[in-house]
């Protein structure tokens, strides 16, 4: 049985865990996309896909010119 996960899924899972366990709190700014590429050792595409997934789940929001932030949880 393989435990392979695509890079975007691995990144999204890690950030989601940090949000749900409180290491990243509502209002916290995520690292920049460049920093996330360096942290996870990937290209831009998996980082973009991970952020897209977390936005779709309502966990984060992008603010033009400011960055990406953790949203309040209901």
PDB file of N, CA and C in Angstrom:
ATOM      1  N   UNK A   1       0.842  -1.186   0.000  1.00  0.00           N
ATOM      2  CA  UNK A   1       0.000   0.000   0.000  1.00  0.00           C
ATOM      3  C   UNK A   1       0.887   1.250   0.000  1.00  0.00           C
ATOM      4  N   UNK A   2       0.612   2.159  -0.887  1.00  0.00           N
ATOM      5  CA  UNK A   2       1.409   3.374  -1.017  1.00  0.00           C
ATOM      6  C   UNK A   2       0.804   4.495  -0.175  1.00  0.00           C
ATOM      7  N   UNK A   3       1.672   5.306   0.432  1.00  0.00           N
ATOM      8  CA  UNK A   3       1.202   6.456   1.206  1.00  0.00           C
ATOM      9  C   UNK A   3       1.561   7.754   0.484  1.00  0.00           C
ATOM     10  N   UNK A   4       1.861   7.655  -0.802  1.00  0.00           N
ATOM     11  CA  UNK A   4       2.228   8.831  -1.582  1.00  0.00           C
ATOM     12  C   UNK A   4       1.087   9.831  -1.598  1.00  0.00           C
ATOM     13  N   UNK A   5       1.415  11.080  -1.365  1.00  0.00           N
ATOM     14  CA  UNK A   5       0.457  12.182  -1.518  1.00  0.00           C
ATOM     15  C   UNK A   5       1.091  13.206  -2.441  1.00  0.00           C
ATOM     16  N   UNK A   6       0.296  13.778  -3.339  1.00  0.00           N
ATOM     17  CA  UNK A   6       0.834  14.865  -4.169  1.00  0.00           C
ATOM     18  C   UNK A   6       1.301  16.015  -3.277  1.00  0.00           C
ATOM     19  N   UNK A   7       2.277  16.771  -3.766  1.00  0.00           N
ATOM     20  CA  UNK A   7       2.826  17.882  -2.987  1.00  0.00           C
ATOM     21  C   UNK A   7       1.748  18.847  -2.514  1.00  0.00           C
ATOM     22  N   UNK A   8       0.803  19.195  -3.389  1.00  0.00           N
ATOM     23  CA  UNK A   8      -0.219  20.166  -2.994  1.00  0.00           C
ATOM     24  C   UNK A   8      -1.042  19.647  -1.824  1.00  0.00           C
ATOM     25  N   UNK A   9      -1.315  18.336  -1.812  1.00  0.00           N
ATOM     26  CA  UNK A   9      -2.110  17.737  -0.742  1.00  0.00           C
ATOM     27  C   UNK A   9      -1.324  17.712   0.569  1.00  0.00           C
ATOM     28  N   UNK A  10      -0.045  17.425   0.464  1.00  0.00           N
ATOM     29  CA  UNK A  10       0.838  17.407   1.641  1.00  0.00           C
ATOM     30  C   UNK A  10       0.907  18.806   2.266  1.00  0.00           C
ATOM     31  N   UNK A  11       1.046  19.836   1.423  1.00  0.00           N
ATOM     32  CA  UNK A  11       1.105  21.216   1.895  1.00  0.00           C
ATOM     33  C   UNK A  11      -0.233  21.609   2.528  1.00  0.00           C
ATOM     34  N   UNK A  12      -1.322  21.333   1.835  1.00  0.00           N
ATOM     35  CA  UNK A  12      -2.654  21.676   2.357  1.00  0.00           C
ATOM     36  C   UNK A  12      -2.914  20.962   3.677  1.00  0.00           C
ATOM     37  N   UNK A  13      -2.560  19.683   3.763  1.00  0.00           N
ATOM     38  CA  UNK A  13      -2.776  18.925   5.003  1.00  0.00           C
ATOM     39  C   UNK A  13      -1.989  19.532   6.159  1.00  0.00           C
ATOM     40  N   UNK A  14      -0.746  19.921   5.904  1.00  0.00           N
ATOM     41  CA  UNK A  14       0.088  20.477   6.956  1.00  0.00           C
ATOM     42  C   UNK A  14      -0.460  21.830   7.422  1.00  0.00           C
ATOM     43  N   UNK A  15      -0.795  22.705   6.483  1.00  0.00           N
ATOM     44  CA  UNK A  15      -1.337  24.014   6.862  1.00  0.00           C
ATOM     45  C   UNK A  15      -2.684  23.861   7.558  1.00  0.00           C
ATOM     46  N   UNK A  16      -3.533  22.958   7.078  1.00  0.00           N
ATOM     47  CA  UNK A  16      -4.838  22.711   7.703  1.00  0.00           C
ATOM     48  C   UNK A  16      -4.648  22.258   9.151  1.00  0.00           C
ATOM     49  N   UNK A  17      -3.682  21.364   9.367  1.00  0.00           N
ATOM     50  CA  UNK A  17      -3.406  20.880  10.721  1.00  0.00           C
ATOM     51  C   UNK A  17      -2.951  22.036  11.622  1.00  0.00           C
ATOM     52  N   UNK A  18      -2.085  22.907  11.093  1.00  0.00           N
ATOM     53  CA  UNK A  18      -1.612  24.053  11.877  1.00  0.00           C
ATOM     54  C   UNK A  18      -2.759  25.004  12.232  1.00  0.00           C
ATOM     55  N   UNK A  19      -3.729  25.119  11.335  1.00  0.00           N
ATOM     56  CA  UNK A  19      -4.890  25.979  11.596  1.00  0.00           C
ATOM     57  C   UNK A  19      -5.809  25.321  12.622  1.00  0.00           C
ATOM     58  N   UNK A  20      -6.085  24.044  12.458  1.00  0.00           N
ATOM     59  CA  UNK A  20      -7.044  23.387  13.353  1.00  0.00           C
ATOM     60  C   UNK A  20      -6.479  23.158  14.745  1.00  0.00           C
ATOM     61  N   UNK A  21      -5.154  22.997  14.876  1.00  0.00           N
ATOM     62  CA  UNK A  21      -4.601  22.776  16.219  1.00  0.00           C
ATOM     63  C   UNK A  21      -4.174  24.078  16.896  1.00  0.00           C
ATOM     64  N   UNK A  22      -4.372  25.224  16.205  1.00  0.00           N
ATOM     65  CA  UNK A  22      -4.136  26.512  16.837  1.00  0.00           C
ATOM     66  C   UNK A  22      -2.750  27.095  16.664  1.00  0.00           C
ATOM     67  N   UNK A  23      -1.849  26.378  15.978  1.00  0.00           N
ATOM     68  CA  UNK A  23      -0.529  26.979  15.726  1.00  0.00           C
ATOM     69  C   UNK A  23      -0.662  28.196  14.831  1.00  0.00           C
ATOM     70  N   UNK A  24      -1.651  28.168  13.938  1.00  0.00           N
ATOM     71  CA  UNK A  24      -2.009  29.338  13.138  1.00  0.00           C
ATOM     72  C   UNK A  24      -3.408  29.754  13.587  1.00  0.00           C
ATOM     73  N   UNK A  25      -3.530  30.983  14.089  1.00  0.00           N
ATOM     74  CA  UNK A  25      -4.792  31.478  14.640  1.00  0.00           C
ATOM     75  C   UNK A  25      -5.508  32.370  13.640  1.00  0.00           C
ATOM     76  N   UNK A  26      -6.819  32.556  13.833  1.00  0.00           N
ATOM     77  CA  UNK A  26      -7.547  33.487  12.967  1.00  0.00           C
ATOM     78  C   UNK A  26      -6.856  34.852  12.946  1.00  0.00           C
ATOM     79  N   UNK A  27      -6.682  35.374  11.730  1.00  0.00           N
ATOM     80  CA  UNK A  27      -6.009  36.654  11.544  1.00  0.00           C
ATOM     81  C   UNK A  27      -4.526  36.528  11.266  1.00  0.00           C
ATOM     82  N   UNK A  28      -3.940  35.362  11.561  1.00  0.00           N
ATOM     83  CA  UNK A  28      -2.513  35.173  11.281  1.00  0.00           C
ATOM     84  C   UNK A  28      -2.258  35.190   9.778  1.00  0.00           C
ATOM     85  N   UNK A  29      -1.134  35.772   9.415  1.00  0.00           N
ATOM     86  CA  UNK A  29      -0.718  35.801   8.015  1.00  0.00           C
ATOM     87  C   UNK A  29       0.123  34.556   7.734  1.00  0.00           C
ATOM     88  N   UNK A  30      -0.188  33.890   6.634  1.00  0.00           N
ATOM     89  CA  UNK A  30       0.617  32.744   6.215  1.00  0.00           C
ATOM     90  C   UNK A  30       1.927  33.242   5.626  1.00  0.00           C
ATOM     91  N   UNK A  31       2.939  32.381   5.596  1.00  0.00           N
ATOM     92  CA  UNK A  31       4.166  32.755   4.879  1.00  0.00           C
ATOM     93  C   UNK A  31       3.829  33.077   3.417  1.00  0.00           C
ATOM     94  N   UNK A  32       4.686  33.864   2.785  1.00  0.00           N
ATOM     95  CA  UNK A  32       4.475  34.202   1.373  1.00  0.00           C
ATOM     96  C   UNK A  32       4.564  32.931   0.524  1.00  0.00           C
ATOM     97  N   UNK A  33       4.084  33.028  -0.697  1.00  0.00           N
ATOM     98  CA  UNK A  33       4.159  31.870  -1.597  1.00  0.00           C
ATOM     99  C   UNK A  33       5.612  31.454  -1.817  1.00  0.00           C
ATOM    100  N   UNK A  34       6.495  32.418  -1.922  1.00  0.00           N
ATOM    101  CA  UNK A  34       7.922  32.111  -2.084  1.00  0.00           C
ATOM    102  C   UNK A  34       8.442  31.363  -0.856  1.00  0.00           C
ATOM    103  N   UNK A  35       8.063  31.842   0.343  1.00  0.00           N
ATOM    104  CA  UNK A  35       8.494  31.169   1.577  1.00  0.00           C
ATOM    105  C   UNK A  35       7.919  29.758   1.658  1.00  0.00           C
ATOM    106  N   UNK A  36       6.654  29.600   1.259  1.00  0.00           N
ATOM    107  CA  UNK A  36       6.046  28.270   1.283  1.00  0.00           C
ATOM    108  C   UNK A  36       6.761  27.324   0.316  1.00  0.00           C
ATOM    109  N   UNK A  37       7.149  27.829  -0.854  1.00  0.00           N
ATOM    110  CA  UNK A  37       7.919  27.001  -1.803  1.00  0.00           C
ATOM    111  C   UNK A  37       9.201  26.521  -1.135  1.00  0.00           C
ATOM    112  N   UNK A  38       9.892  27.423  -0.428  1.00  0.00           N
ATOM    113  CA  UNK A  38      11.140  27.062   0.239  1.00  0.00           C
ATOM    114  C   UNK A  38      10.900  26.082   1.392  1.00  0.00           C
ATOM    115  N   UNK A  39       9.868  26.343   2.191  1.00  0.00           N
ATOM    116  CA  UNK A  39       9.556  25.477   3.336  1.00  0.00           C
ATOM    117  C   UNK A  39       9.271  24.056   2.876  1.00  0.00           C
ATOM    118  N   UNK A  40       8.457  23.921   1.830  1.00  0.00           N
ATOM    119  CA  UNK A  40       8.016  22.598   1.387  1.00  0.00           C
ATOM    120  C   UNK A  40       8.851  22.019   0.255  1.00  0.00           C
ATOM    121  N   UNK A  41       9.807  22.785  -0.241  1.00  0.00           N
ATOM    122  CA  UNK A  41      10.698  22.286  -1.285  1.00  0.00           C
ATOM    123  C   UNK A  41      10.000  21.940  -2.579  1.00  0.00           C
ATOM    124  N   UNK A  42       9.059  22.800  -2.975  1.00  0.00           N
ATOM    125  CA  UNK A  42       8.298  22.546  -4.201  1.00  0.00           C
ATOM    126  C   UNK A  42       8.379  23.747  -5.137  1.00  0.00           C
ATOM    127  N   UNK A  43       7.769  23.576  -6.289  1.00  0.00           N
ATOM    128  CA  UNK A  43       7.615  24.689  -7.225  1.00  0.00           C
ATOM    129  C   UNK A  43       6.373  25.494  -6.829  1.00  0.00           C
ATOM    130  N   UNK A  44       6.075  26.510  -7.602  1.00  0.00           N
ATOM    131  CA  UNK A  44       4.945  27.391  -7.296  1.00  0.00           C
ATOM    132  C   UNK A  44       3.598  26.680  -7.437  1.00  0.00           C
ATOM    133  N   UNK A  45       3.473  25.784  -8.402  1.00  0.00           N
ATOM    134  CA  UNK A  45       2.162  25.185  -8.699  1.00  0.00           C
ATOM    135  C   UNK A  45       1.562  24.431  -7.515  1.00  0.00           C
ATOM    136  N   UNK A  46       2.298  23.558  -6.831  1.00  0.00           N
ATOM    137  CA  UNK A  46       1.693  22.873  -5.680  1.00  0.00           C
ATOM    138  C   UNK A  46       1.287  23.833  -4.553  1.00  0.00           C
ATOM    139  N   UNK A  47       2.059  24.883  -4.350  1.00  0.00           N
ATOM    140  CA  UNK A  47       1.705  25.876  -3.335  1.00  0.00           C
ATOM    141  C   UNK A  47       0.403  26.556  -3.717  1.00  0.00           C
ATOM    142  N   UNK A  48       0.285  26.982  -4.978  1.00  0.00           N
ATOM    143  CA  UNK A  48      -0.952  27.613  -5.458  1.00  0.00           C
ATOM    144  C   UNK A  48      -2.144  26.676  -5.292  1.00  0.00           C
ATOM    145  N   UNK A  49      -1.972  25.404  -5.659  1.00  0.00           N
ATOM    146  CA  UNK A  49      -3.066  24.428  -5.557  1.00  0.00           C
ATOM    147  C   UNK A  49      -3.476  24.212  -4.100  1.00  0.00           C
ATOM    148  N   UNK A  50      -2.505  24.147  -3.201  1.00  0.00           N
ATOM    149  CA  UNK A  50      -2.802  23.963  -1.776  1.00  0.00           C
ATOM    150  C   UNK A  50      -3.584  25.160  -1.229  1.00  0.00           C
ATOM    151  N   UNK A  51      -3.151  26.366  -1.581  1.00  0.00           N
ATOM    152  CA  UNK A  51      -3.839  27.562  -1.113  1.00  0.00           C
ATOM    153  C   UNK A  51      -5.244  27.639  -1.698  1.00  0.00           C
ATOM    154  N   UNK A  52      -5.401  27.257  -2.960  1.00  0.00           N
ATOM    155  CA  UNK A  52      -6.720  27.224  -3.592  1.00  0.00           C
ATOM    156  C   UNK A  52      -7.643  26.291  -2.811  1.00  0.00           C
ATOM    157  N   UNK A  53      -7.139  25.116  -2.459  1.00  0.00           N
ATOM    158  CA  UNK A  53      -7.924  24.123  -1.725  1.00  0.00           C
ATOM    159  C   UNK A  53      -8.343  24.671  -0.357  1.00  0.00           C
ATOM    160  N   UNK A  54      -7.420  25.288   0.361  1.00  0.00           N
ATOM    161  CA  UNK A  54      -7.733  25.823   1.687  1.00  0.00           C
ATOM    162  C   UNK A  54      -8.702  27.007   1.612  1.00  0.00           C
ATOM    163  N   UNK A  55      -8.605  27.805   0.530  1.00  0.00           N
ATOM    164  CA  UNK A  55      -9.589  28.885   0.328  1.00  0.00           C
ATOM    165  C   UNK A  55     -10.967  28.291   0.090  1.00  0.00           C
ATOM    166  N   UNK A  56     -11.039  27.251  -0.731  1.00  0.00           N
ATOM    167  CA  UNK A  56     -12.314  26.601  -1.042  1.00  0.00           C
ATOM    168  C   UNK A  56     -12.946  25.998   0.220  1.00  0.00           C
ATOM    169  N   UNK A  57     -12.105  25.585   1.160  1.00  0.00           N
ATOM    170  CA  UNK A  57     -12.596  25.017   2.429  1.00  0.00           C
ATOM    171  C   UNK A  57     -12.968  26.100   3.436  1.00  0.00           C
ATOM    172  N   UNK A  58     -12.718  27.373   3.094  1.00  0.00           N
ATOM    173  CA  UNK A  58     -13.063  28.477   3.977  1.00  0.00           C
ATOM    174  C   UNK A  58     -12.111  28.671   5.141  1.00  0.00           C
ATOM    175  N   UNK A  59     -10.884  28.167   5.008  1.00  0.00           N
ATOM    176  CA  UNK A  59      -9.910  28.280   6.093  1.00  0.00           C
ATOM    177  C   UNK A  59      -9.026  29.521   5.976  1.00  0.00           C
ATOM    178  N   UNK A  60      -8.816  29.987   4.757  1.00  0.00           N
ATOM    179  CA  UNK A  60      -7.933  31.131   4.523  1.00  0.00           C
ATOM    180  C   UNK A  60      -8.563  32.066   3.507  1.00  0.00           C
ATOM    181  N   UNK A  61      -8.036  33.292   3.455  1.00  0.00           N
ATOM    182  CA  UNK A  61      -8.441  34.230   2.404  1.00  0.00           C
ATOM    183  C   UNK A  61      -7.230  35.028   1.965  1.00  0.00           C
ATOM    184  N   UNK A  62      -7.186  35.324   0.680  1.00  0.00           N
ATOM    185  CA  UNK A  62      -6.148  36.184   0.147  1.00  0.00           C
ATOM    186  C   UNK A  62      -6.633  37.619   0.170  1.00  0.00           C
ATOM    187  N   UNK A  63      -5.744  38.533   0.532  1.00  0.00           N
ATOM    188  CA  UNK A  63      -6.066  39.962   0.507  1.00  0.00           C
ATOM    189  C   UNK A  63      -5.082  40.623  -0.441  1.00  0.00           C
ATOM    190  N   UNK A  64      -5.621  41.225  -1.484  1.00  0.00           N
ATOM    191  CA  UNK A  64      -4.809  41.813  -2.545  1.00  0.00           C
ATOM    192  C   UNK A  64      -3.736  42.728  -1.977  1.00  0.00           C
ATOM    193  N   UNK A  65      -2.489  42.420  -2.310  1.00  0.00           N
ATOM    194  CA  UNK A  65      -1.380  43.251  -1.898  1.00  0.00           C
ATOM    195  C   UNK A  65      -0.955  43.104  -0.445  1.00  0.00           C
ATOM    196  N   UNK A  66      -1.648  42.255   0.314  1.00  0.00           N
ATOM    197  CA  UNK A  66      -1.355  42.113   1.736  1.00  0.00           C
ATOM    198  C   UNK A  66      -0.878  40.700   2.097  1.00  0.00           C
ATOM    199  N   UNK A  67      -1.414  39.676   1.433  1.00  0.00           N
ATOM    200  CA  UNK A  67      -1.031  38.301   1.738  1.00  0.00           C
ATOM    201  C   UNK A  67      -2.229  37.402   1.943  1.00  0.00           C
ATOM    202  N   UNK A  68      -1.983  36.273   2.556  1.00  0.00           N
ATOM    203  CA  UNK A  68      -3.010  35.264   2.806  1.00  0.00           C
ATOM    204  C   UNK A  68      -3.146  35.078   4.304  1.00  0.00           C
ATOM    205  N   UNK A  69      -4.403  35.091   4.774  1.00  0.00           N
ATOM    206  CA  UNK A  69      -4.664  35.104   6.205  1.00  0.00           C
ATOM    207  C   UNK A  69      -5.618  33.977   6.607  1.00  0.00           C
ATOM    208  N   UNK A  70      -5.462  33.529   7.860  1.00  0.00           N
ATOM    209  CA  UNK A  70      -6.344  32.507   8.430  1.00  0.00           C
ATOM    210  C   UNK A  70      -7.671  33.176   8.795  1.00  0.00           C
ATOM    211  N   UNK A  71      -8.773  32.528   8.424  1.00  0.00           N
ATOM    212  CA  UNK A  71     -10.108  33.051   8.733  1.00  0.00           C
ATOM    213  C   UNK A  71     -10.597  32.533  10.073  1.00  0.00           C
ATOM    214  N   UNK A  72     -11.570  33.256  10.654  1.00  0.00           N
ATOM    215  CA  UNK A  72     -12.258  32.779  11.853  1.00  0.00           C
ATOM    216  C   UNK A  72     -12.984  31.496  11.498  1.00  0.00           C
ATOM    217  N   UNK A  73     -13.009  30.576  12.442  1.00  0.00           N
ATOM    218  CA  UNK A  73     -13.752  29.331  12.226  1.00  0.00           C
ATOM    219  C   UNK A  73     -15.098  29.426  12.924  1.00  0.00           C
ATOM    220  N   UNK A  74     -16.104  28.868  12.257  1.00  0.00           N
ATOM    221  CA  UNK A  74     -17.448  28.887  12.863  1.00  0.00           C
ATOM    222  C   UNK A  74     -17.598  27.789  13.872  1.00  0.00           C
TER     223      UNK A  74
END
